[in-house]
Structure formats: C-alpha cells, structure tokens
Amino acid sequence: MSETADSPISRSAYLLDGRRVTVRDLLDAGLLEAGTTLRFKRPRKGKTHYASCVPRNSAVLEVPGG
C-alpha cells in the first residue's frame, strides 16, 4: 500500500479489528523480524526517527547521540 499527495491513505487502512496495528501484530504476522530497523519520517518537522524491533515484540527508539 502506498501513499501519494493525491491519494492519502484513510485512517481505516491502519486499523486491525478496530484498533491500531502494533509492532507485535507485524512480528506475529511475520512481516517484521527482531532486529529490523524502522524509519518514521516527519517531513513537516524535517526529522526522521529510527527504532529497532526487539525480541519482546516491541520497538526501541534510537536516540541520536544518546
């Protein structure tokens, strides 16, 4: 599923059984593996955040210089 300026993804595309999709959902579905690096771009803020999936079925935010 891709998003363009002309066709934003609706909120319902991010829901699973009426709730937000979690990192655990993606790991359980085999779509992510522990050790995978995730990237979240915030173009309006000019920032990019990174996180790593960990075996506890969650993600750990990587803080630059921290």
PDB file of N, CA and C in Angstrom:
ATOM      1  N   MET A   1       0.851  -1.168   0.000  1.00  0.00           N
ATOM      2  CA  MET A   1       0.000   0.000   0.000  1.00  0.00           C
ATOM      3  C   MET A   1       0.895   1.228   0.000  1.00  0.00           C
ATOM      4  N   SER A   2       0.674   2.138  -0.937  1.00  0.00           N
ATOM      5  CA  SER A   2       1.486   3.334  -0.997  1.00  0.00           C
ATOM      6  C   SER A   2       0.617   4.563  -0.845  1.00  0.00           C
ATOM      7  N   GLU A   3       1.257   5.653  -0.475  1.00  0.00           N
ATOM      8  CA  GLU A   3       0.546   6.894  -0.249  1.00  0.00           C
ATOM      9  C   GLU A   3       1.150   7.965  -1.137  1.00  0.00           C
ATOM     10  N   THR A   4       0.303   8.730  -1.790  1.00  0.00           N
ATOM     11  CA  THR A   4       0.776   9.844  -2.601  1.00  0.00           C
ATOM     12  C   THR A   4       0.081  11.102  -2.126  1.00  0.00           C
ATOM     13  N   ALA A   5       0.573  12.237  -2.584  1.00  0.00           N
ATOM     14  CA  ALA A   5      -0.039  13.510  -2.195  1.00  0.00           C
ATOM     15  C   ALA A   5      -1.480  13.593  -2.680  1.00  0.00           C
ATOM     16  N   ASP A   6      -1.783  12.918  -3.795  1.00  0.00           N
ATOM     17  CA  ASP A   6      -3.126  12.970  -4.360  1.00  0.00           C
ATOM     18  C   ASP A   6      -4.094  11.973  -3.730  1.00  0.00           C
ATOM     19  N   SER A   7      -3.581  10.912  -3.111  1.00  0.00           N
ATOM     20  CA  SER A   7      -4.458   9.885  -2.560  1.00  0.00           C
ATOM     21  C   SER A   7      -3.967   9.418  -1.193  1.00  0.00           C
ATOM     22  N   PRO A   8      -4.236  10.207  -0.148  1.00  0.00           N
ATOM     23  CA  PRO A   8      -3.805   9.801   1.189  1.00  0.00           C
ATOM     24  C   PRO A   8      -4.525   8.536   1.643  1.00  0.00           C
ATOM     25  N   ILE A   9      -3.846   7.742   2.457  1.00  0.00           N
ATOM     26  CA  ILE A   9      -4.429   6.512   2.988  1.00  0.00           C
ATOM     27  C   ILE A   9      -5.402   6.887   4.097  1.00  0.00           C
ATOM     28  N   SER A  10      -6.577   6.288   4.073  1.00  0.00           N
ATOM     29  CA  SER A  10      -7.563   6.597   5.102  1.00  0.00           C
ATOM     30  C   SER A  10      -7.161   5.969   6.431  1.00  0.00           C
ATOM     31  N   ARG A  11      -7.684   6.526   7.507  1.00  0.00           N
ATOM     32  CA  ARG A  11      -7.382   6.033   8.851  1.00  0.00           C
ATOM     33  C   ARG A  11      -7.736   4.552   8.987  1.00  0.00           C
ATOM     34  N   SER A  12      -8.824   4.111   8.337  1.00  0.00           N
ATOM     35  CA  SER A  12      -9.256   2.723   8.467  1.00  0.00           C
ATOM     36  C   SER A  12      -8.217   1.750   7.921  1.00  0.00           C
ATOM     37  N   ALA A  13      -7.337   2.210   7.028  1.00  0.00           N
ATOM     38  CA  ALA A  13      -6.295   1.338   6.477  1.00  0.00           C
ATOM     39  C   ALA A  13      -5.267   0.967   7.542  1.00  0.00           C
ATOM     40  N   TYR A  14      -5.203   1.739   8.625  1.00  0.00           N
ATOM     41  CA  TYR A  14      -4.244   1.487   9.687  1.00  0.00           C
ATOM     42  C   TYR A  14      -4.839   0.677  10.837  1.00  0.00           C
ATOM     43  N   LEU A  15      -6.095   0.267  10.715  1.00  0.00           N
ATOM     44  CA  LEU A  15      -6.759  -0.422  11.810  1.00  0.00           C
ATOM     45  C   LEU A  15      -6.840  -1.921  11.569  1.00  0.00           C
ATOM     46  N   LEU A  16      -6.750  -2.683  12.652  1.00  0.00           N
ATOM     47  CA  LEU A  16      -6.890  -4.126  12.639  1.00  0.00           C
ATOM     48  C   LEU A  16      -7.918  -4.462  13.707  1.00  0.00           C
ATOM     49  N   ASP A  17      -9.045  -5.006  13.308  1.00  0.00           N
ATOM     50  CA  ASP A  17     -10.139  -5.288  14.252  1.00  0.00           C
ATOM     51  C   ASP A  17     -10.532  -4.041  15.046  1.00  0.00           C
ATOM     52  N   GLY A  18     -10.519  -2.871  14.376  1.00  0.00           N
ATOM     53  CA  GLY A  18     -10.934  -1.629  15.012  1.00  0.00           C
ATOM     54  C   GLY A  18      -9.896  -0.969  15.893  1.00  0.00           C
ATOM     55  N   ARG A  19      -8.669  -1.486  15.921  1.00  0.00           N
ATOM     56  CA  ARG A  19      -7.610  -0.874  16.733  1.00  0.00           C
ATOM     57  C   ARG A  19      -6.382  -0.658  15.863  1.00  0.00           C
ATOM     58  N   ARG A  20      -5.469   0.171  16.341  1.00  0.00           N
ATOM     59  CA  ARG A  20      -4.248   0.428  15.586  1.00  0.00           C
ATOM     60  C   ARG A  20      -3.384  -0.825  15.514  1.00  0.00           C
ATOM     61  N   VAL A  21      -2.711  -0.986  14.405  1.00  0.00           N
ATOM     62  CA  VAL A  21      -1.782  -2.104  14.234  1.00  0.00           C
ATOM     63  C   VAL A  21      -0.547  -1.826  15.088  1.00  0.00           C
ATOM     64  N   THR A  22      -0.079  -2.841  15.813  1.00  0.00           N
ATOM     65  CA  THR A  22       1.085  -2.687  16.681  1.00  0.00           C
ATOM     66  C   THR A  22       2.298  -3.408  16.102  1.00  0.00           C
ATOM     67  N   VAL A  23       3.458  -3.125  16.679  1.00  0.00           N
ATOM     68  CA  VAL A  23       4.679  -3.822  16.273  1.00  0.00           C
ATOM     69  C   VAL A  23       4.496  -5.316  16.499  1.00  0.00           C
ATOM     70  N   ARG A  24       3.863  -5.685  17.594  1.00  0.00           N
ATOM     71  CA  ARG A  24       3.631  -7.106  17.874  1.00  0.00           C
ATOM     72  C   ARG A  24       2.794  -7.765  16.775  1.00  0.00           C
ATOM     73  N   ASP A  25       1.764  -7.070  16.294  1.00  0.00           N
ATOM     74  CA  ASP A  25       0.950  -7.603  15.198  1.00  0.00           C
ATOM     75  C   ASP A  25       1.818  -7.901  13.984  1.00  0.00           C
ATOM     76  N   LEU A  26       2.720  -6.991  13.646  1.00  0.00           N
ATOM     77  CA  LEU A  26       3.590  -7.166  12.484  1.00  0.00           C
ATOM     78  C   LEU A  26       4.586  -8.299  12.690  1.00  0.00           C
ATOM     79  N   LEU A  27       5.120  -8.426  13.909  1.00  0.00           N
ATOM     80  CA  LEU A  27       6.032  -9.531  14.220  1.00  0.00           C
ATOM     81  C   LEU A  27       5.289 -10.867  14.169  1.00  0.00           C
ATOM     82  N   ASP A  28       4.100 -10.914  14.770  1.00  0.00           N
ATOM     83  CA  ASP A  28       3.313 -12.154  14.779  1.00  0.00           C
ATOM     84  C   ASP A  28       2.932 -12.595  13.370  1.00  0.00           C
ATOM     85  N   ALA A  29       2.710 -11.627  12.476  1.00  0.00           N
ATOM     86  CA  ALA A  29       2.324 -11.939  11.095  1.00  0.00           C
ATOM     87  C   ALA A  29       3.541 -12.289  10.231  1.00  0.00           C
ATOM     88  N   GLY A  30       4.733 -12.171  10.801  1.00  0.00           N
ATOM     89  CA  GLY A  30       5.949 -12.472  10.040  1.00  0.00           C
ATOM     90  C   GLY A  30       6.343 -11.358   9.077  1.00  0.00           C
ATOM     91  N   LEU A  31       5.762 -10.173   9.254  1.00  0.00           N
ATOM     92  CA  LEU A  31       6.082  -9.042   8.394  1.00  0.00           C
ATOM     93  C   LEU A  31       7.306  -8.276   8.876  1.00  0.00           C
ATOM     94  N   LEU A  32       7.668  -8.457  10.144  1.00  0.00           N
ATOM     95  CA  LEU A  32       8.875  -7.881  10.735  1.00  0.00           C
ATOM     96  C   LEU A  32       9.598  -8.966  11.495  1.00  0.00           C
ATOM     97  N   GLU A  33      10.899  -8.828  11.630  1.00  0.00           N
ATOM     98  CA  GLU A  33      11.698  -9.743  12.447  1.00  0.00           C
ATOM     99  C   GLU A  33      12.431  -8.934  13.502  1.00  0.00           C
ATOM    100  N   ALA A  34      12.740  -9.554  14.633  1.00  0.00           N
ATOM    101  CA  ALA A  34      13.546  -8.900  15.662  1.00  0.00           C
ATOM    102  C   ALA A  34      14.847  -8.443  15.015  1.00  0.00           C
ATOM    103  N   GLY A  35      15.260  -7.229  15.327  1.00  0.00           N
ATOM    104  CA  GLY A  35      16.472  -6.668  14.748  1.00  0.00           C
ATOM    105  C   GLY A  35      16.206  -5.760  13.565  1.00  0.00           C
ATOM    106  N   THR A  36      14.976  -5.761  13.054  1.00  0.00           N
ATOM    107  CA  THR A  36      14.619  -4.890  11.934  1.00  0.00           C
ATOM    108  C   THR A  36      14.636  -3.432  12.383  1.00  0.00           C
ATOM    109  N   THR A  37      15.205  -2.568  11.567  1.00  0.00           N
ATOM    110  CA  THR A  37      15.206  -1.135  11.854  1.00  0.00           C
ATOM    111  C   THR A  37      14.021  -0.493  11.153  1.00  0.00           C
ATOM    112  N   LEU A  38      13.269   0.292  11.905  1.00  0.00           N
ATOM    113  CA  LEU A  38      12.111   1.005  11.380  1.00  0.00           C
ATOM    114  C   LEU A  38      12.462   2.483  11.218  1.00  0.00           C
ATOM    115  N   ARG A  39      11.864   3.136  10.219  1.00  0.00           N
ATOM    116  CA  ARG A  39      12.102   4.552   9.981  1.00  0.00           C
ATOM    117  C   ARG A  39      10.767   5.274   9.927  1.00  0.00           C
ATOM    118  N   PHE A  40      10.678   6.378  10.637  1.00  0.00           N
ATOM    119  CA  PHE A  40       9.473   7.213  10.658  1.00  0.00           C
ATOM    120  C   PHE A  40       9.882   8.624  10.260  1.00  0.00           C
ATOM    121  N   LYS A  41       9.475   9.032   9.041  1.00  0.00           N
ATOM    122  CA  LYS A  41       9.837  10.351   8.539  1.00  0.00           C
ATOM    123  C   LYS A  41       8.761  11.362   8.898  1.00  0.00           C
ATOM    124  N   ARG A  42       9.202  12.535   9.355  1.00  0.00           N
ATOM    125  CA  ARG A  42       8.300  13.644   9.659  1.00  0.00           C
ATOM    126  C   ARG A  42       8.728  14.841   8.812  1.00  0.00           C
ATOM    127  N   PRO A  43       8.330  14.851   7.539  1.00  0.00           N
ATOM    128  CA  PRO A  43       8.802  15.889   6.615  1.00  0.00           C
ATOM    129  C   PRO A  43       8.481  17.319   7.056  1.00  0.00           C
ATOM    130  N   ARG A  44       7.327  17.517   7.645  1.00  0.00           N
ATOM    131  CA  ARG A  44       6.979  18.883   8.081  1.00  0.00           C
ATOM    132  C   ARG A  44       7.907  19.373   9.179  1.00  0.00           C
ATOM    133  N   LYS A  45       8.396  18.464  10.005  1.00  0.00           N
ATOM    134  CA  LYS A  45       9.323  18.815  11.086  1.00  0.00           C
ATOM    135  C   LYS A  45      10.776  18.725  10.625  1.00  0.00           C
ATOM    136  N   GLY A  46      10.989  18.117   9.450  1.00  0.00           N
ATOM    137  CA  GLY A  46      12.355  17.937   8.959  1.00  0.00           C
ATOM    138  C   GLY A  46      13.131  16.918   9.771  1.00  0.00           C
ATOM    139  N   LYS A  47      12.435  15.929  10.330  1.00  0.00           N
ATOM    140  CA  LYS A  47      13.078  14.928  11.183  1.00  0.00           C
ATOM    141  C   LYS A  47      12.775  13.520  10.695  1.00  0.00           C
ATOM    142  N   THR A  48      13.694  12.621  10.977  1.00  0.00           N
ATOM    143  CA  THR A  48      13.492  11.203  10.740  1.00  0.00           C
ATOM    144  C   THR A  48      13.854  10.478  12.025  1.00  0.00           C
ATOM    145  N   HIS A  49      12.958   9.633  12.511  1.00  0.00           N
ATOM    146  CA  HIS A  49      13.184   8.858  13.728  1.00  0.00           C
ATOM    147  C   HIS A  49      13.419   7.399  13.337  1.00  0.00           C
ATOM    148  N   TYR A  50      14.258   6.716  14.097  1.00  0.00           N
ATOM    149  CA  TYR A  50      14.551   5.308  13.857  1.00  0.00           C
ATOM    150  C   TYR A  50      14.263   4.516  15.126  1.00  0.00           C
ATOM    151  N   ALA A  51      13.843   3.271  14.942  1.00  0.00           N
ATOM    152  CA  ALA A  51      13.615   2.357  16.062  1.00  0.00           C
ATOM    153  C   ALA A  51      14.012   0.963  15.608  1.00  0.00           C
ATOM    154  N   SER A  52      14.377   0.114  16.566  1.00  0.00           N
ATOM    155  CA  SER A  52      14.719  -1.277  16.267  1.00  0.00           C
ATOM    156  C   SER A  52      13.721  -2.194  16.939  1.00  0.00           C
ATOM    157  N   CYS A  53      13.273  -3.218  16.216  1.00  0.00           N
ATOM    158  CA  CYS A  53      12.397  -4.227  16.801  1.00  0.00           C
ATOM    159  C   CYS A  53      13.242  -5.110  17.710  1.00  0.00           C
ATOM    160  N   VAL A  54      12.705  -5.425  18.869  1.00  0.00           N
ATOM    161  CA  VAL A  54      13.405  -6.280  19.826  1.00  0.00           C
ATOM    162  C   VAL A  54      12.581  -7.538  20.075  1.00  0.00           C
ATOM    163  N   PRO A  55      13.235  -8.612  20.549  1.00  0.00           N
ATOM    164  CA  PRO A  55      12.534  -9.889  20.728  1.00  0.00           C
ATOM    165  C   PRO A  55      11.303  -9.841  21.632  1.00  0.00           C
ATOM    166  N   ARG A  56      11.153  -8.816  22.452  1.00  0.00           N
ATOM    167  CA  ARG A  56       9.983  -8.725  23.343  1.00  0.00           C
ATOM    168  C   ARG A  56       8.746  -8.249  22.589  1.00  0.00           C
ATOM    169  N   ASN A  57       8.790  -8.298  21.237  1.00  0.00           N
ATOM    170  CA  ASN A  57       7.656  -7.883  20.405  1.00  0.00           C
ATOM    171  C   ASN A  57       7.326  -6.406  20.558  1.00  0.00           C
ATOM    172  N   SER A  58       8.354  -5.591  20.637  1.00  0.00           N
ATOM    173  CA  SER A  58       8.148  -4.153  20.707  1.00  0.00           C
ATOM    174  C   SER A  58       9.270  -3.477  19.938  1.00  0.00           C
ATOM    175  N   ALA A  59       9.330  -2.164  20.028  1.00  0.00           N
ATOM    176  CA  ALA A  59      10.380  -1.417  19.343  1.00  0.00           C
ATOM    177  C   ALA A  59      11.059  -0.492  20.338  1.00  0.00           C
ATOM    178  N   VAL A  60      12.335  -0.255  20.108  1.00  0.00           N
ATOM    179  CA  VAL A  60      13.114   0.637  20.952  1.00  0.00           C
ATOM    180  C   VAL A  60      13.547   1.816  20.092  1.00  0.00           C
ATOM    181  N   LEU A  61      13.186   3.023  20.502  1.00  0.00           N
ATOM    182  CA  LEU A  61      13.536   4.226  19.775  1.00  0.00           C
ATOM    183  C   LEU A  61      15.034   4.476  19.896  1.00  0.00           C
ATOM    184  N   GLU A  62      15.671   4.760  18.780  1.00  0.00           N
ATOM    185  CA  GLU A  62      17.091   5.077  18.765  1.00  0.00           C
ATOM    186  C   GLU A  62      17.241   6.583  18.837  1.00  0.00           C
ATOM    187  N   VAL A  63      17.899   7.065  19.890  1.00  0.00           N
ATOM    188  CA  VAL A  63      18.083   8.485  20.090  1.00  0.00           C
ATOM    189  C   VAL A  63      19.492   8.860  19.646  1.00  0.00           C
ATOM    190  N   PRO A  64      19.613   9.725  18.633  1.00  0.00           N
ATOM    191  CA  PRO A  64      20.953  10.117  18.178  1.00  0.00           C
ATOM    192  C   PRO A  64      21.740  10.786  19.295  1.00  0.00           C
ATOM    193  N   GLY A  65      22.983  10.368  19.458  1.00  0.00           N
ATOM    194  CA  GLY A  65      23.858  10.954  20.469  1.00  0.00           C
ATOM    195  C   GLY A  65      23.475  10.630  21.901  1.00  0.00           C
ATOM    196  N   GLY A  66      22.530   9.689  22.083  1.00  0.00           N
ATOM    197  CA  GLY A  66      22.036   9.416  23.432  1.00  0.00           C
ATOM    198  C   GLY A  66      22.378   8.105  23.978  1.00  0.00           C
TER     199      GLY A  66
END
